[in-house]
Amino acid sequence: MALAALAACAHRADAPLVGRIWDTHAERYVAPADVYRAARASYIILGETHDNPEHHRLQLAVLEALAARGEPRILAMEQFDGEYQAAMDAARAAGADAEKLADAGHFDRRGWNWPLYRPLVQFALEHGWPIVAANLSRTAARAIVADRARSGLPPAAPAVQAALERDIIDGHCGKAPEPKLLAGMVEAQRARDAHMASVLRPGSVLIAGAGHARRDRGVALYLRDDAVMSMAFVEVEASDADRASYDYLWFTPRAQRDDPCAGLL
């Protein structure tokens, strides 16, 4: 009901959502300072829309607030594949700056839009925070798509399976891949979430897509529930109907982008 009310508010001129933060558990809006004070969890997940600059600005603000408390943290990032962790550690030990660390981690500068992530990496370097390459390698993910058994995971709960299938179909502009491929893609997504959880250590802040930040089907499924704080930065034009799985929703403007499905409809 609270989320339905939020969706209704998005269309009311007297209750603009941009810049507001919804506390799902308290069922009220809170100030950024309230969120920073509440960010005491062992694992903090900051879910983003990858191409939205405002989401990355706010992520940096959260990191700055954590650092201001003098708490040592670990920055884990979906944007680096785990197979390059050793190379990143070696580069850092040699005094690498953000650019050289990105080179060592084979950061896909075009695919991930490096200028949006560079400030986060630079922040961690300047504050002495370890940087963890959190993502499953692309080679491993492709292998799981081809053969689901390679994930080593128990079968997904039916609700999780169905939700992940919907996510993938929505990501393909409503066109479902053939069943075997769809099942493999779901399993690879589960494997990514499980892998990210496995590399996190207490004190970690994970930068990842909003889907990975969900409590009901993301990384949190593989961590102790009471040890996680999940926040999603949400574009106000996006549907809020299925976003009850976050602890906090921080509403932002929508990024300017072309409709990727426009030519397919």
C-alpha atoms as a PDB file:
ATOM      1  CA  MET A   1       0.000   0.000   0.000  1.00  0.00           C
ATOM      2  CA  ALA A   2       2.847   2.363   0.834  1.00  0.00           C
ATOM      3  CA  LEU A   3       4.439   1.789  -2.564  1.00  0.00           C
ATOM      4  CA  ALA A   4       1.108   2.301  -4.315  1.00  0.00           C
ATOM      5  CA  ALA A   5       0.864   5.632  -2.541  1.00  0.00           C
ATOM      6  CA  LEU A   6       4.371   6.504  -3.688  1.00  0.00           C
ATOM      7  CA  ALA A   7       3.482   5.763  -7.281  1.00  0.00           C
ATOM      8  CA  ALA A   8       0.427   8.001  -6.999  1.00  0.00           C
ATOM      9  CA  CYS A   9       2.530  10.778  -5.509  1.00  0.00           C
ATOM     10  CA  ALA A  10       4.777  10.759  -8.558  1.00  0.00           C
ATOM     11  CA  HIS A  11       2.003  12.416 -10.519  1.00  0.00           C
ATOM     12  CA  ARG A  12       1.047  15.060  -7.954  1.00  0.00           C
ATOM     13  CA  ALA A  13       2.490  18.512  -8.471  1.00  0.00           C
ATOM     14  CA  ASP A  14       2.294  19.234  -4.730  1.00  0.00           C
ATOM     15  CA  ALA A  15       4.376  16.182  -3.805  1.00  0.00           C
ATOM     16  CA  PRO A  16       7.387  15.941  -6.122  1.00  0.00           C
ATOM     17  CA  LEU A  17       9.499  12.881  -5.448  1.00  0.00           C
ATOM     18  CA  VAL A  18      12.850  14.001  -6.813  1.00  0.00           C
ATOM     19  CA  GLY A  19      15.366  14.170  -3.990  1.00  0.00           C
ATOM     20  CA  ARG A  20      13.118  12.457  -1.474  1.00  0.00           C
ATOM     21  CA  ILE A  21      14.050   9.236   0.350  1.00  0.00           C
ATOM     22  CA  TRP A  22      11.466   6.651   1.322  1.00  0.00           C
ATOM     23  CA  ASP A  23      12.201   4.454   4.336  1.00  0.00           C
ATOM     24  CA  THR A  24      10.365   1.215   3.528  1.00  0.00           C
ATOM     25  CA  HIS A  25      10.335  -0.087   7.089  1.00  0.00           C
ATOM     26  CA  ALA A  26       9.299   3.167   8.767  1.00  0.00           C
ATOM     27  CA  GLU A  27       6.907   3.948   5.891  1.00  0.00           C
ATOM     28  CA  ARG A  28       7.843   7.614   5.778  1.00  0.00           C
ATOM     29  CA  TYR A  29      10.199   9.999   4.033  1.00  0.00           C
ATOM     30  CA  VAL A  30      13.510  10.642   5.743  1.00  0.00           C
ATOM     31  CA  ALA A  31      16.428  13.035   5.313  1.00  0.00           C
ATOM     32  CA  PRO A  32      19.813  11.982   3.923  1.00  0.00           C
ATOM     33  CA  ALA A  33      21.322  12.427   7.381  1.00  0.00           C
ATOM     34  CA  ASP A  34      18.870   9.826   8.718  1.00  0.00           C
ATOM     35  CA  VAL A  35      20.035   7.355   6.087  1.00  0.00           C
ATOM     36  CA  TYR A  36      23.696   7.999   6.824  1.00  0.00           C
ATOM     37  CA  ARG A  37      23.111   7.440  10.531  1.00  0.00           C
ATOM     38  CA  ALA A  38      21.287   4.192   9.771  1.00  0.00           C
ATOM     39  CA  ALA A  39      24.069   2.909   7.510  1.00  0.00           C
ATOM     40  CA  ARG A  40      25.661   0.694  10.153  1.00  0.00           C
ATOM     41  CA  ALA A  41      25.056  -2.624   8.421  1.00  0.00           C
ATOM     42  CA  SER A  42      27.903  -5.004   7.700  1.00  0.00           C
ATOM     43  CA  TYR A  43      26.915  -4.973   4.030  1.00  0.00           C
ATOM     44  CA  ILE A  44      25.577  -1.901   2.259  1.00  0.00           C
ATOM     45  CA  ILE A  45      24.269  -2.326  -1.282  1.00  0.00           C
ATOM     46  CA  LEU A  46      23.790   0.802  -3.391  1.00  0.00           C
ATOM     47  CA  GLY A  47      21.630  -0.085  -6.383  1.00  0.00           C
ATOM     48  CA  GLU A  48      21.857   2.120  -9.443  1.00  0.00           C
ATOM     49  CA  THR A  49      20.652   2.662 -12.960  1.00  0.00           C
ATOM     50  CA  HIS A  50      24.043   2.381 -14.616  1.00  0.00           C
ATOM     51  CA  ASP A  51      23.797   5.359 -16.977  1.00  0.00           C
ATOM     52  CA  ASN A  52      22.299   7.866 -14.526  1.00  0.00           C
ATOM     53  CA  PRO A  53      24.958  10.397 -13.383  1.00  0.00           C
ATOM     54  CA  GLU A  54      22.843  11.442 -10.405  1.00  0.00           C
ATOM     55  CA  HIS A  55      22.911   7.912  -9.036  1.00  0.00           C
ATOM     56  CA  HIS A  56      26.695   7.918  -9.044  1.00  0.00           C
ATOM     57  CA  ARG A  57      26.838  11.363  -7.448  1.00  0.00           C
ATOM     58  CA  LEU A  58      24.617  10.134  -4.640  1.00  0.00           C
ATOM     59  CA  GLN A  59      26.632   6.953  -4.239  1.00  0.00           C
ATOM     60  CA  LEU A  60      29.698   9.104  -3.724  1.00  0.00           C
ATOM     61  CA  ALA A  61      27.801  11.169  -1.149  1.00  0.00           C
ATOM     62  CA  VAL A  62      27.035   7.983   0.795  1.00  0.00           C
ATOM     63  CA  LEU A  63      30.696   6.949   0.674  1.00  0.00           C
ATOM     64  CA  GLU A  64      31.745  10.384   1.904  1.00  0.00           C
ATOM     65  CA  ALA A  65      29.289  10.173   4.801  1.00  0.00           C
ATOM     66  CA  LEU A  66      30.644   6.767   5.795  1.00  0.00           C
ATOM     67  CA  ALA A  67      34.218   8.018   5.604  1.00  0.00           C
ATOM     68  CA  ALA A  68      33.337  11.062   7.716  1.00  0.00           C
ATOM     69  CA  ARG A  69      32.443   8.683  10.544  1.00  0.00           C
ATOM     70  CA  GLY A  70      35.945   7.276  10.385  1.00  0.00           C
ATOM     71  CA  GLU A  71      34.726   3.784   9.560  1.00  0.00           C
ATOM     72  CA  PRO A  72      37.063   1.653   7.423  1.00  0.00           C
ATOM     73  CA  ARG A  73      35.094   0.222   4.534  1.00  0.00           C
ATOM     74  CA  ILE A  74      35.617  -1.947   1.457  1.00  0.00           C
ATOM     75  CA  LEU A  75      34.371  -0.802  -1.958  1.00  0.00           C
ATOM     76  CA  ALA A  76      33.049  -3.742  -3.987  1.00  0.00           C
ATOM     77  CA  MET A  77      32.039  -3.084  -7.579  1.00  0.00           C
ATOM     78  CA  GLU A  78      29.982  -5.065 -10.068  1.00  0.00           C
ATOM     79  CA  GLN A  79      31.868  -3.275 -12.831  1.00  0.00           C
ATOM     80  CA  PHE A  80      35.081  -5.247 -12.229  1.00  0.00           C
ATOM     81  CA  ASP A  81      35.238  -8.982 -12.937  1.00  0.00           C
ATOM     82  CA  GLY A  82      36.721 -11.112 -10.166  1.00  0.00           C
ATOM     83  CA  GLU A  83      39.263 -12.790 -12.443  1.00  0.00           C
ATOM     84  CA  TYR A  84      41.245  -9.532 -12.450  1.00  0.00           C
ATOM     85  CA  GLN A  85      41.392  -9.050  -8.669  1.00  0.00           C
ATOM     86  CA  ALA A  86      45.034 -10.151  -8.399  1.00  0.00           C
ATOM     87  CA  ALA A  87      46.089  -7.781 -11.178  1.00  0.00           C
ATOM     88  CA  MET A  88      44.221  -4.913  -9.512  1.00  0.00           C
ATOM     89  CA  ASP A  89      45.844  -5.646  -6.159  1.00  0.00           C
ATOM     90  CA  ALA A  90      49.283  -5.715  -7.774  1.00  0.00           C
ATOM     91  CA  ALA A  91      48.649  -2.434  -9.578  1.00  0.00           C
ATOM     92  CA  ARG A  92      47.483  -0.792  -6.378  1.00  0.00           C
ATOM     93  CA  ALA A  93      50.525  -2.037  -4.472  1.00  0.00           C
ATOM     94  CA  ALA A  94      52.620  -0.383  -7.171  1.00  0.00           C
ATOM     95  CA  GLY A  95      50.865   2.959  -6.572  1.00  0.00           C
ATOM     96  CA  ALA A  96      48.325   2.884  -9.393  1.00  0.00           C
ATOM     97  CA  ASP A  97      45.922   5.772  -9.796  1.00  0.00           C
ATOM     98  CA  ALA A  98      42.301   5.252 -10.844  1.00  0.00           C
ATOM     99  CA  GLU A  99      43.176   5.065 -14.539  1.00  0.00           C
ATOM    100  CA  LYS A 100      45.880   2.441 -14.076  1.00  0.00           C
ATOM    101  CA  LEU A 101      43.669   0.461 -11.711  1.00  0.00           C
ATOM    102  CA  ALA A 102      40.938   0.451 -14.358  1.00  0.00           C
ATOM    103  CA  ASP A 103      43.466  -0.816 -16.882  1.00  0.00           C
ATOM    104  CA  ALA A 104      44.554  -3.603 -14.537  1.00  0.00           C
ATOM    105  CA  GLY A 105      40.931  -4.557 -13.933  1.00  0.00           C
ATOM    106  CA  HIS A 106      40.085  -4.560 -17.656  1.00  0.00           C
ATOM    107  CA  PHE A 107      37.332  -2.053 -16.959  1.00  0.00           C
ATOM    108  CA  ASP A 108      35.007  -1.813 -19.981  1.00  0.00           C
ATOM    109  CA  ARG A 109      35.248   1.951 -20.281  1.00  0.00           C
ATOM    110  CA  ARG A 110      32.663   2.318 -23.025  1.00  0.00           C
ATOM    111  CA  GLY A 111      30.222  -0.293 -21.816  1.00  0.00           C
ATOM    112  CA  TRP A 112      30.205   0.998 -18.238  1.00  0.00           C
ATOM    113  CA  ASN A 113      30.836   4.701 -19.006  1.00  0.00           C
ATOM    114  CA  TRP A 114      34.060   5.059 -17.021  1.00  0.00           C
ATOM    115  CA  PRO A 115      33.707   8.798 -16.194  1.00  0.00           C
ATOM    116  CA  LEU A 116      30.690   7.937 -14.018  1.00  0.00           C
ATOM    117  CA  TYR A 117      32.645   5.378 -11.978  1.00  0.00           C
ATOM    118  CA  ARG A 118      36.065   6.981 -11.840  1.00  0.00           C
ATOM    119  CA  PRO A 119      35.198   9.240  -8.848  1.00  0.00           C
ATOM    120  CA  LEU A 120      34.144   6.194  -6.819  1.00  0.00           C
ATOM    121  CA  VAL A 121      37.396   4.376  -7.568  1.00  0.00           C
ATOM    122  CA  GLN A 122      39.431   7.513  -6.880  1.00  0.00           C
ATOM    123  CA  PHE A 123      37.625   8.010  -3.577  1.00  0.00           C
ATOM    124  CA  ALA A 124      38.489   4.489  -2.426  1.00  0.00           C
ATOM    125  CA  LEU A 125      42.120   4.970  -3.401  1.00  0.00           C
ATOM    126  CA  GLU A 126      42.390   8.294  -1.585  1.00  0.00           C
ATOM    127  CA  HIS A 127      40.817   6.868   1.586  1.00  0.00           C
ATOM    128  CA  GLY A 128      42.762   3.632   1.594  1.00  0.00           C
ATOM    129  CA  TRP A 129      39.686   1.446   1.121  1.00  0.00           C
ATOM    130  CA  PRO A 130      40.252  -1.971  -0.483  1.00  0.00           C
ATOM    131  CA  ILE A 131      38.583  -2.325  -3.889  1.00  0.00           C
ATOM    132  CA  VAL A 132      36.964  -5.664  -4.661  1.00  0.00           C
ATOM    133  CA  ALA A 133      36.212  -6.879  -8.176  1.00  0.00           C
ATOM    134  CA  ALA A 134      32.801  -8.311  -7.383  1.00  0.00           C
ATOM    135  CA  ASN A 135      31.398  -9.642 -10.633  1.00  0.00           C
ATOM    136  CA  LEU A 136      31.454 -13.173 -11.975  1.00  0.00           C
ATOM    137  CA  SER A 137      33.712 -13.415 -15.013  1.00  0.00           C
ATOM    138  CA  ARG A 138      32.035 -13.213 -18.398  1.00  0.00           C
ATOM    139  CA  THR A 139      33.524 -16.570 -19.338  1.00  0.00           C
ATOM    140  CA  ALA A 140      31.960 -18.220 -16.287  1.00  0.00           C
ATOM    141  CA  ALA A 141      28.614 -16.509 -16.906  1.00  0.00           C
ATOM    142  CA  ARG A 142      28.527 -17.660 -20.543  1.00  0.00           C
ATOM    143  CA  ALA A 143      29.329 -21.210 -19.449  1.00  0.00           C
ATOM    144  CA  ILE A 144      26.397 -21.155 -17.028  1.00  0.00           C
ATOM    145  CA  VAL A 145      24.043 -19.835 -19.706  1.00  0.00           C
ATOM    146  CA  ALA A 146      25.040 -22.831 -21.826  1.00  0.00           C
ATOM    147  CA  ASP A 147      24.835 -25.330 -18.952  1.00  0.00           C
ATOM    148  CA  ARG A 148      22.850 -24.335 -15.871  1.00  0.00           C
ATOM    149  CA  ALA A 149      24.375 -27.108 -13.769  1.00  0.00           C
ATOM    150  CA  ARG A 150      27.674 -25.236 -13.803  1.00  0.00           C
ATOM    151  CA  SER A 151      26.279 -22.699 -11.320  1.00  0.00           C
ATOM    152  CA  GLY A 152      26.301 -25.239  -8.492  1.00  0.00           C
ATOM    153  CA  LEU A 153      23.282 -23.500  -6.978  1.00  0.00           C
ATOM    154  CA  PRO A 154      20.191 -25.253  -5.609  1.00  0.00           C
ATOM    155  CA  PRO A 155      16.991 -24.689  -7.624  1.00  0.00           C
ATOM    156  CA  ALA A 156      15.518 -21.222  -7.276  1.00  0.00           C
ATOM    157  CA  ALA A 157      12.302 -20.709  -5.383  1.00  0.00           C
ATOM    158  CA  PRO A 158       9.429 -20.483  -7.890  1.00  0.00           C
ATOM    159  CA  ALA A 159       8.780 -16.809  -7.081  1.00  0.00           C
ATOM    160  CA  VAL A 160      12.449 -15.936  -7.583  1.00  0.00           C
ATOM    161  CA  GLN A 161      12.612 -17.893 -10.836  1.00  0.00           C
ATOM    162  CA  ALA A 162       9.510 -16.190 -12.193  1.00  0.00           C
ATOM    163  CA  ALA A 163      10.662 -12.725 -11.157  1.00  0.00           C
ATOM    164  CA  LEU A 164      14.084 -13.137 -12.761  1.00  0.00           C
ATOM    165  CA  GLU A 165      12.461 -14.408 -15.937  1.00  0.00           C
ATOM    166  CA  ARG A 166      10.302 -11.275 -16.024  1.00  0.00           C
ATOM    167  CA  ASP A 167      13.383  -9.098 -15.488  1.00  0.00           C
ATOM    168  CA  ILE A 168      15.171 -10.687 -18.443  1.00  0.00           C
ATOM    169  CA  ILE A 169      12.147 -10.517 -20.721  1.00  0.00           C
ATOM    170  CA  ASP A 170      11.628  -6.857 -19.812  1.00  0.00           C
ATOM    171  CA  GLY A 171      15.310  -6.276 -20.561  1.00  0.00           C
ATOM    172  CA  HIS A 172      14.721  -7.740 -24.017  1.00  0.00           C
ATOM    173  CA  CYS A 173      11.901  -5.302 -24.770  1.00  0.00           C
ATOM    174  CA  GLY A 174       9.221  -7.826 -23.846  1.00  0.00           C
ATOM    175  CA  LYS A 175      10.470 -10.532 -26.182  1.00  0.00           C
ATOM    176  CA  ALA A 176      11.269 -13.749 -24.360  1.00  0.00           C
ATOM    177  CA  PRO A 177      14.374 -15.694 -25.414  1.00  0.00           C
ATOM    178  CA  GLU A 178      13.722 -19.337 -26.240  1.00  0.00           C
ATOM    179  CA  PRO A 179      13.090 -21.358 -23.064  1.00  0.00           C
ATOM    180  CA  LYS A 180      16.480 -23.055 -22.704  1.00  0.00           C
ATOM    181  CA  LEU A 181      18.329 -19.798 -23.247  1.00  0.00           C
ATOM    182  CA  LEU A 182      16.028 -17.951 -20.843  1.00  0.00           C
ATOM    183  CA  ALA A 183      16.604 -20.580 -18.150  1.00  0.00           C
ATOM    184  CA  GLY A 184      20.355 -20.292 -18.637  1.00  0.00           C
ATOM    185  CA  MET A 185      20.249 -16.520 -18.423  1.00  0.00           C
ATOM    186  CA  VAL A 186      18.260 -16.691 -15.185  1.00  0.00           C
ATOM    187  CA  GLU A 187      20.790 -19.110 -13.729  1.00  0.00           C
ATOM    188  CA  ALA A 188      23.682 -16.855 -14.745  1.00  0.00           C
ATOM    189  CA  GLN A 189      21.979 -13.941 -13.021  1.00  0.00           C
ATOM    190  CA  ARG A 190      21.585 -16.002  -9.861  1.00  0.00           C
ATOM    191  CA  ALA A 191      25.225 -17.016 -10.104  1.00  0.00           C
ATOM    192  CA  ARG A 192      26.298 -13.374 -10.378  1.00  0.00           C
ATOM    193  CA  ASP A 193      24.352 -12.500  -7.231  1.00  0.00           C
ATOM    194  CA  ALA A 194      25.754 -15.485  -5.340  1.00  0.00           C
ATOM    195  CA  HIS A 195      29.290 -14.668  -6.468  1.00  0.00           C
ATOM    196  CA  MET A 196      28.990 -11.039  -5.420  1.00  0.00           C
ATOM    197  CA  ALA A 197      27.780 -12.139  -2.006  1.00  0.00           C
ATOM    198  CA  SER A 198      30.651 -14.600  -1.689  1.00  0.00           C
ATOM    199  CA  VAL A 199      33.355 -11.961  -2.200  1.00  0.00           C
ATOM    200  CA  LEU A 200      31.867  -9.420   0.199  1.00  0.00           C
ATOM    201  CA  ARG A 201      33.387  -9.068   3.638  1.00  0.00           C
ATOM    202  CA  PRO A 202      31.935  -7.262   6.671  1.00  0.00           C
ATOM    203  CA  GLY A 203      32.278  -3.552   6.023  1.00  0.00           C
ATOM    204  CA  SER A 204      31.661  -3.846   2.289  1.00  0.00           C
ATOM    205  CA  VAL A 205      29.759  -1.303   0.219  1.00  0.00           C
ATOM    206  CA  LEU A 206      28.615  -2.862  -3.043  1.00  0.00           C
ATOM    207  CA  ILE A 207      28.056  -0.741  -6.147  1.00  0.00           C
ATOM    208  CA  ALA A 208      25.729  -2.657  -8.454  1.00  0.00           C
ATOM    209  CA  GLY A 209      22.643  -2.451 -10.607  1.00  0.00           C
ATOM    210  CA  ALA A 210      19.370  -1.988  -8.771  1.00  0.00           C
ATOM    211  CA  GLY A 211      18.305  -5.548  -9.604  1.00  0.00           C
ATOM    212  CA  HIS A 212      21.285  -6.939  -7.711  1.00  0.00           C
ATOM    213  CA  ALA A 213      20.376  -4.746  -4.736  1.00  0.00           C
ATOM    214  CA  ARG A 214      16.947  -6.296  -4.297  1.00  0.00           C
ATOM    215  CA  ARG A 215      16.380  -8.219  -1.093  1.00  0.00           C
ATOM    216  CA  ASP A 216      13.884 -10.630  -2.669  1.00  0.00           C
ATOM    217  CA  ARG A 217      16.034 -11.886  -5.545  1.00  0.00           C
ATOM    218  CA  GLY A 218      19.444 -10.196  -5.476  1.00  0.00           C
ATOM    219  CA  VAL A 219      22.715 -10.387  -3.580  1.00  0.00           C
ATOM    220  CA  ALA A 220      21.014 -10.153  -0.189  1.00  0.00           C
ATOM    221  CA  LEU A 221      19.503 -13.627  -0.674  1.00  0.00           C
ATOM    222  CA  TYR A 222      22.980 -15.042  -0.131  1.00  0.00           C
ATOM    223  CA  LEU A 223      23.872 -12.961   2.932  1.00  0.00           C
ATOM    224  CA  ARG A 224      22.556 -12.881   6.475  1.00  0.00           C
ATOM    225  CA  ASP A 225      19.398 -10.841   6.196  1.00  0.00           C
ATOM    226  CA  ASP A 226      19.929  -8.666   9.256  1.00  0.00           C
ATOM    227  CA  ALA A 227      23.451  -7.749   8.122  1.00  0.00           C
ATOM    228  CA  VAL A 228      22.345  -5.984   4.915  1.00  0.00           C
ATOM    229  CA  MET A 229      21.154  -2.459   4.173  1.00  0.00           C
ATOM    230  CA  SER A 230      19.852  -2.108   0.627  1.00  0.00           C
ATOM    231  CA  MET A 231      19.247   1.228  -1.068  1.00  0.00           C
ATOM    232  CA  ALA A 232      18.013   1.819  -4.599  1.00  0.00           C
ATOM    233  CA  PHE A 233      18.369   5.086  -6.442  1.00  0.00           C
ATOM    234  CA  VAL A 234      15.114   5.189  -8.389  1.00  0.00           C
ATOM    235  CA  GLU A 235      14.186   7.318 -11.388  1.00  0.00           C
ATOM    236  CA  VAL A 236      10.821   8.907 -10.639  1.00  0.00           C
ATOM    237  CA  GLU A 237       9.353   7.902 -13.998  1.00  0.00           C
ATOM    238  CA  ALA A 238      10.127   4.244 -13.349  1.00  0.00           C
ATOM    239  CA  SER A 239       7.489   1.879 -12.009  1.00  0.00           C
ATOM    240  CA  ASP A 240       7.614   1.531  -8.241  1.00  0.00           C
ATOM    241  CA  ALA A 241       5.148  -1.333  -8.027  1.00  0.00           C
ATOM    242  CA  ASP A 242       7.765  -4.051  -7.466  1.00  0.00           C
ATOM    243  CA  ARG A 243      10.321  -2.132  -5.411  1.00  0.00           C
ATOM    244  CA  ALA A 244       9.317  -3.157  -1.900  1.00  0.00           C
ATOM    245  CA  SER A 245      12.480  -5.208  -1.591  1.00  0.00           C
ATOM    246  CA  TYR A 246      14.732  -2.261  -0.700  1.00  0.00           C
ATOM    247  CA  ASP A 247      15.266  -0.688   2.680  1.00  0.00           C
ATOM    248  CA  TYR A 248      15.446   2.791   1.150  1.00  0.00           C
ATOM    249  CA  LEU A 249      14.308   4.323  -2.138  1.00  0.00           C
ATOM    250  CA  TRP A 250      16.104   7.552  -3.099  1.00  0.00           C
ATOM    251  CA  PHE A 251      14.186   9.206  -5.930  1.00  0.00           C
ATOM    252  CA  THR A 252      16.076  10.985  -8.725  1.00  0.00           C
ATOM    253  CA  PRO A 253      15.359  12.502 -12.112  1.00  0.00           C
ATOM    254  CA  ARG A 254      15.402  10.206 -15.107  1.00  0.00           C
ATOM    255  CA  ALA A 255      18.610  10.253 -17.143  1.00  0.00           C
ATOM    256  CA  GLN A 256      18.381  11.433 -20.730  1.00  0.00           C
ATOM    257  CA  ARG A 257      18.544   8.381 -22.989  1.00  0.00           C
ATOM    258  CA  ASP A 258      17.081   6.992 -26.176  1.00  0.00           C
ATOM    259  CA  ASP A 259      14.442   4.303 -25.895  1.00  0.00           C
ATOM    260  CA  PRO A 260      16.348   1.067 -26.698  1.00  0.00           C
ATOM    261  CA  CYS A 261      13.082  -0.636 -27.633  1.00  0.00           C
ATOM    262  CA  ALA A 262      11.762   2.105 -29.934  1.00  0.00           C
ATOM    263  CA  GLY A 263      12.796   0.374 -33.141  1.00  0.00           C
ATOM    264  CA  LEU A 264      11.491  -3.005 -32.038  1.00  0.00           C
ATOM    265  CA  LEU A 265       7.894  -2.132 -31.241  1.00  0.00           C
END
